[in-house]
């Protein structure tokens, strides 16, 4: 793997860690994915953005509506 790919993997890992530990960031991913990433200075290429978008939507669609509401409204 070349250096650029390693850097991108590190960026995606950082995004994941931030989503796990920062409730406001995580809620922002649900409500305004692109805007939240931009506000946090996270720039993804088209392929990475598609992967993140697919993941966020897959998680959202797999959750029961009440559980999703609980996750997003818990700390508002």
N, C-alpha and C. Protein backbone atom coordinates (compact mmCIF):
# COMPACT_ATOMS: atom_id res chain seq x y z
N UNK A 1 0.85 -1.18 0.00
CA UNK A 1 0.00 0.00 0.00
C UNK A 1 0.90 1.24 0.00
N UNK A 2 0.61 2.19 -0.90
CA UNK A 2 1.45 3.38 -0.94
C UNK A 2 1.08 4.36 0.17
N UNK A 3 1.91 5.37 0.37
CA UNK A 3 1.73 6.31 1.46
C UNK A 3 0.40 7.04 1.44
N UNK A 4 -0.07 7.41 0.24
CA UNK A 4 -1.34 8.13 0.14
C UNK A 4 -2.49 7.27 0.64
N UNK A 5 -2.53 6.00 0.28
CA UNK A 5 -3.60 5.13 0.76
C UNK A 5 -3.55 4.99 2.27
N UNK A 6 -2.36 4.91 2.85
CA UNK A 6 -2.24 4.82 4.30
C UNK A 6 -2.78 6.07 4.97
N UNK A 7 -2.49 7.22 4.40
CA UNK A 7 -3.00 8.48 4.96
C UNK A 7 -4.52 8.49 4.91
N UNK A 8 -5.10 8.06 3.82
CA UNK A 8 -6.56 8.05 3.69
C UNK A 8 -7.18 7.08 4.69
N UNK A 9 -6.56 5.93 4.88
CA UNK A 9 -7.09 4.99 5.88
C UNK A 9 -7.03 5.61 7.26
N UNK A 10 -5.98 6.34 7.54
CA UNK A 10 -5.88 7.00 8.84
C UNK A 10 -6.97 8.07 8.98
N UNK A 11 -7.28 8.77 7.92
CA UNK A 11 -8.35 9.78 7.97
C UNK A 11 -9.69 9.11 8.25
N UNK A 12 -9.93 7.97 7.60
CA UNK A 12 -11.19 7.26 7.82
C UNK A 12 -11.25 6.68 9.23
N UNK A 13 -10.12 6.21 9.74
CA UNK A 13 -10.09 5.72 11.13
C UNK A 13 -10.38 6.86 12.10
N UNK A 14 -9.80 8.03 11.84
CA UNK A 14 -10.03 9.19 12.71
C UNK A 14 -11.50 9.58 12.69
N UNK A 15 -12.11 9.56 11.52
CA UNK A 15 -13.53 9.87 11.41
C UNK A 15 -14.35 8.89 12.23
N UNK A 16 -14.00 7.62 12.17
CA UNK A 16 -14.71 6.59 12.93
C UNK A 16 -14.57 6.82 14.43
N UNK A 17 -13.37 7.11 14.87
CA UNK A 17 -13.13 7.36 16.30
C UNK A 17 -13.91 8.57 16.77
N UNK A 18 -13.91 9.62 15.96
CA UNK A 18 -14.66 10.83 16.30
C UNK A 18 -16.15 10.52 16.41
N UNK A 19 -16.67 9.72 15.49
CA UNK A 19 -18.09 9.37 15.53
C UNK A 19 -18.44 8.54 16.76
N UNK A 20 -17.52 7.73 17.22
CA UNK A 20 -17.76 6.90 18.39
C UNK A 20 -17.78 7.74 19.67
N UNK A 21 -16.89 8.71 19.75
CA UNK A 21 -16.69 9.43 21.01
C UNK A 21 -17.33 10.81 21.10
N UNK A 22 -17.82 11.35 19.99
CA UNK A 22 -18.38 12.70 19.99
C UNK A 22 -19.85 12.64 19.57
N UNK A 23 -20.75 12.77 20.56
CA UNK A 23 -22.19 12.66 20.29
C UNK A 23 -22.66 13.69 19.28
N UNK A 24 -22.19 14.92 19.39
CA UNK A 24 -22.62 15.98 18.49
C UNK A 24 -22.18 15.68 17.05
N UNK A 25 -20.96 15.21 16.89
CA UNK A 25 -20.47 14.85 15.56
C UNK A 25 -21.30 13.70 14.99
N UNK A 26 -21.56 12.70 15.81
CA UNK A 26 -22.33 11.54 15.36
C UNK A 26 -23.74 11.96 14.92
N UNK A 27 -24.40 12.79 15.71
CA UNK A 27 -25.74 13.27 15.33
C UNK A 27 -25.67 14.05 14.02
N UNK A 28 -24.58 14.82 13.86
CA UNK A 28 -24.41 15.58 12.63
C UNK A 28 -24.28 14.68 11.41
N UNK A 29 -23.66 13.51 11.59
CA UNK A 29 -23.55 12.57 10.48
C UNK A 29 -24.93 12.13 10.02
N UNK A 30 -25.85 11.94 10.96
CA UNK A 30 -27.20 11.52 10.60
C UNK A 30 -27.96 12.66 9.93
N UNK A 31 -27.82 13.86 10.47
CA UNK A 31 -28.64 15.00 10.03
C UNK A 31 -28.10 15.70 8.79
N UNK A 32 -26.78 15.84 8.69
CA UNK A 32 -26.16 16.62 7.61
C UNK A 32 -24.74 16.10 7.40
N UNK A 33 -24.64 14.98 6.74
CA UNK A 33 -23.35 14.30 6.58
C UNK A 33 -22.29 15.21 5.97
N UNK A 34 -22.55 15.75 4.80
CA UNK A 34 -21.56 16.57 4.12
C UNK A 34 -21.19 17.81 4.92
N UNK A 35 -22.20 18.49 5.46
CA UNK A 35 -21.95 19.71 6.24
C UNK A 35 -21.15 19.43 7.50
N UNK A 36 -21.46 18.32 8.16
CA UNK A 36 -20.74 17.96 9.38
C UNK A 36 -19.28 17.68 9.09
N UNK A 37 -19.01 16.93 8.04
CA UNK A 37 -17.62 16.65 7.67
C UNK A 37 -16.89 17.95 7.34
N UNK A 38 -17.55 18.82 6.59
CA UNK A 38 -16.93 20.10 6.21
C UNK A 38 -16.63 20.95 7.45
N UNK A 39 -17.58 21.04 8.37
CA UNK A 39 -17.38 21.85 9.58
C UNK A 39 -16.23 21.32 10.43
N UNK A 40 -15.96 20.03 10.35
CA UNK A 40 -14.87 19.42 11.12
C UNK A 40 -13.57 19.34 10.33
N UNK A 41 -13.56 19.95 9.14
CA UNK A 41 -12.35 19.98 8.34
C UNK A 41 -11.98 18.64 7.73
N UNK A 42 -12.96 17.77 7.55
CA UNK A 42 -12.71 16.45 6.98
C UNK A 42 -13.06 16.49 5.50
N UNK A 43 -12.07 16.27 4.67
CA UNK A 43 -12.26 16.29 3.23
C UNK A 43 -12.03 14.89 2.70
N UNK A 44 -13.03 14.35 2.05
CA UNK A 44 -12.94 13.00 1.49
C UNK A 44 -13.03 13.08 -0.03
N UNK A 45 -12.35 12.15 -0.69
CA UNK A 45 -12.50 12.10 -2.14
C UNK A 45 -13.85 11.46 -2.45
N UNK A 46 -14.21 11.43 -3.72
CA UNK A 46 -15.54 10.94 -4.11
C UNK A 46 -15.77 9.49 -3.67
N UNK A 47 -14.77 8.66 -3.82
CA UNK A 47 -14.90 7.25 -3.46
C UNK A 47 -15.11 7.10 -1.95
N UNK A 48 -14.31 7.82 -1.17
CA UNK A 48 -14.42 7.75 0.29
C UNK A 48 -15.77 8.28 0.75
N UNK A 49 -16.21 9.38 0.14
CA UNK A 49 -17.50 9.97 0.51
C UNK A 49 -18.63 8.98 0.22
N UNK A 50 -18.55 8.31 -0.90
CA UNK A 50 -19.58 7.32 -1.24
C UNK A 50 -19.58 6.19 -0.23
N UNK A 51 -18.41 5.75 0.20
CA UNK A 51 -18.33 4.67 1.18
C UNK A 51 -18.91 5.10 2.52
N UNK A 52 -18.57 6.31 2.96
CA UNK A 52 -19.07 6.82 4.23
C UNK A 52 -20.59 7.02 4.14
N UNK A 53 -21.05 7.59 3.06
CA UNK A 53 -22.49 7.81 2.87
C UNK A 53 -23.24 6.48 2.89
N UNK A 54 -22.72 5.49 2.15
CA UNK A 54 -23.37 4.17 2.13
C UNK A 54 -23.41 3.56 3.53
N UNK A 55 -22.32 3.69 4.27
CA UNK A 55 -22.27 3.13 5.62
C UNK A 55 -23.27 3.81 6.55
N UNK A 56 -23.28 5.15 6.53
CA UNK A 56 -24.19 5.90 7.40
C UNK A 56 -25.64 5.54 7.08
N UNK A 57 -25.99 5.49 5.80
CA UNK A 57 -27.36 5.18 5.42
C UNK A 57 -27.71 3.73 5.74
N UNK A 58 -26.74 2.82 5.57
CA UNK A 58 -27.01 1.41 5.90
C UNK A 58 -27.28 1.24 7.39
N UNK A 59 -26.50 1.92 8.22
CA UNK A 59 -26.72 1.85 9.67
C UNK A 59 -28.08 2.45 10.00
N UNK A 60 -28.35 3.61 9.46
CA UNK A 60 -29.62 4.28 9.74
C UNK A 60 -30.80 3.41 9.33
N UNK A 61 -30.72 2.81 8.16
CA UNK A 61 -31.83 2.00 7.65
C UNK A 61 -31.98 0.68 8.39
N UNK A 62 -30.92 0.22 9.03
CA UNK A 62 -30.99 -1.06 9.73
C UNK A 62 -31.54 -0.93 11.15
N UNK A 63 -31.60 0.30 11.65
CA UNK A 63 -32.07 0.51 13.02
C UNK A 63 -33.57 0.67 13.07
N UNK A 64 -34.15 0.15 14.10
CA UNK A 64 -35.54 0.38 14.41
C UNK A 64 -35.73 1.88 14.60
N UNK A 65 -36.84 2.43 14.15
CA UNK A 65 -37.08 3.88 14.22
C UNK A 65 -36.96 4.41 15.66
N UNK A 66 -37.50 3.69 16.64
CA UNK A 66 -37.41 4.13 18.03
C UNK A 66 -35.97 4.13 18.53
N UNK A 67 -35.21 3.10 18.15
CA UNK A 67 -33.81 3.04 18.56
C UNK A 67 -33.02 4.17 17.91
N UNK A 68 -33.27 4.42 16.62
CA UNK A 68 -32.58 5.51 15.93
C UNK A 68 -32.89 6.84 16.60
N UNK A 69 -34.14 7.08 16.91
CA UNK A 69 -34.53 8.33 17.58
C UNK A 69 -33.83 8.45 18.94
N UNK A 70 -33.74 7.35 19.67
CA UNK A 70 -33.05 7.37 20.95
C UNK A 70 -31.58 7.69 20.81
N UNK A 71 -30.95 7.17 19.80
CA UNK A 71 -29.53 7.44 19.58
C UNK A 71 -29.27 8.88 19.18
N UNK A 72 -30.15 9.44 18.38
CA UNK A 72 -29.91 10.79 17.87
C UNK A 72 -30.45 11.87 18.81
N UNK A 73 -31.45 11.56 19.62
CA UNK A 73 -32.04 12.56 20.49
C UNK A 73 -31.53 12.51 21.93
N UNK A 74 -30.75 11.51 22.28
CA UNK A 74 -30.35 11.28 23.66
C UNK A 74 -29.66 12.47 24.32
N UNK A 75 -28.86 13.18 23.55
CA UNK A 75 -28.07 14.27 24.16
C UNK A 75 -28.39 15.63 23.56
N UNK A 76 -29.53 15.78 22.95
CA UNK A 76 -29.90 17.09 22.38
C UNK A 76 -30.44 17.99 23.43
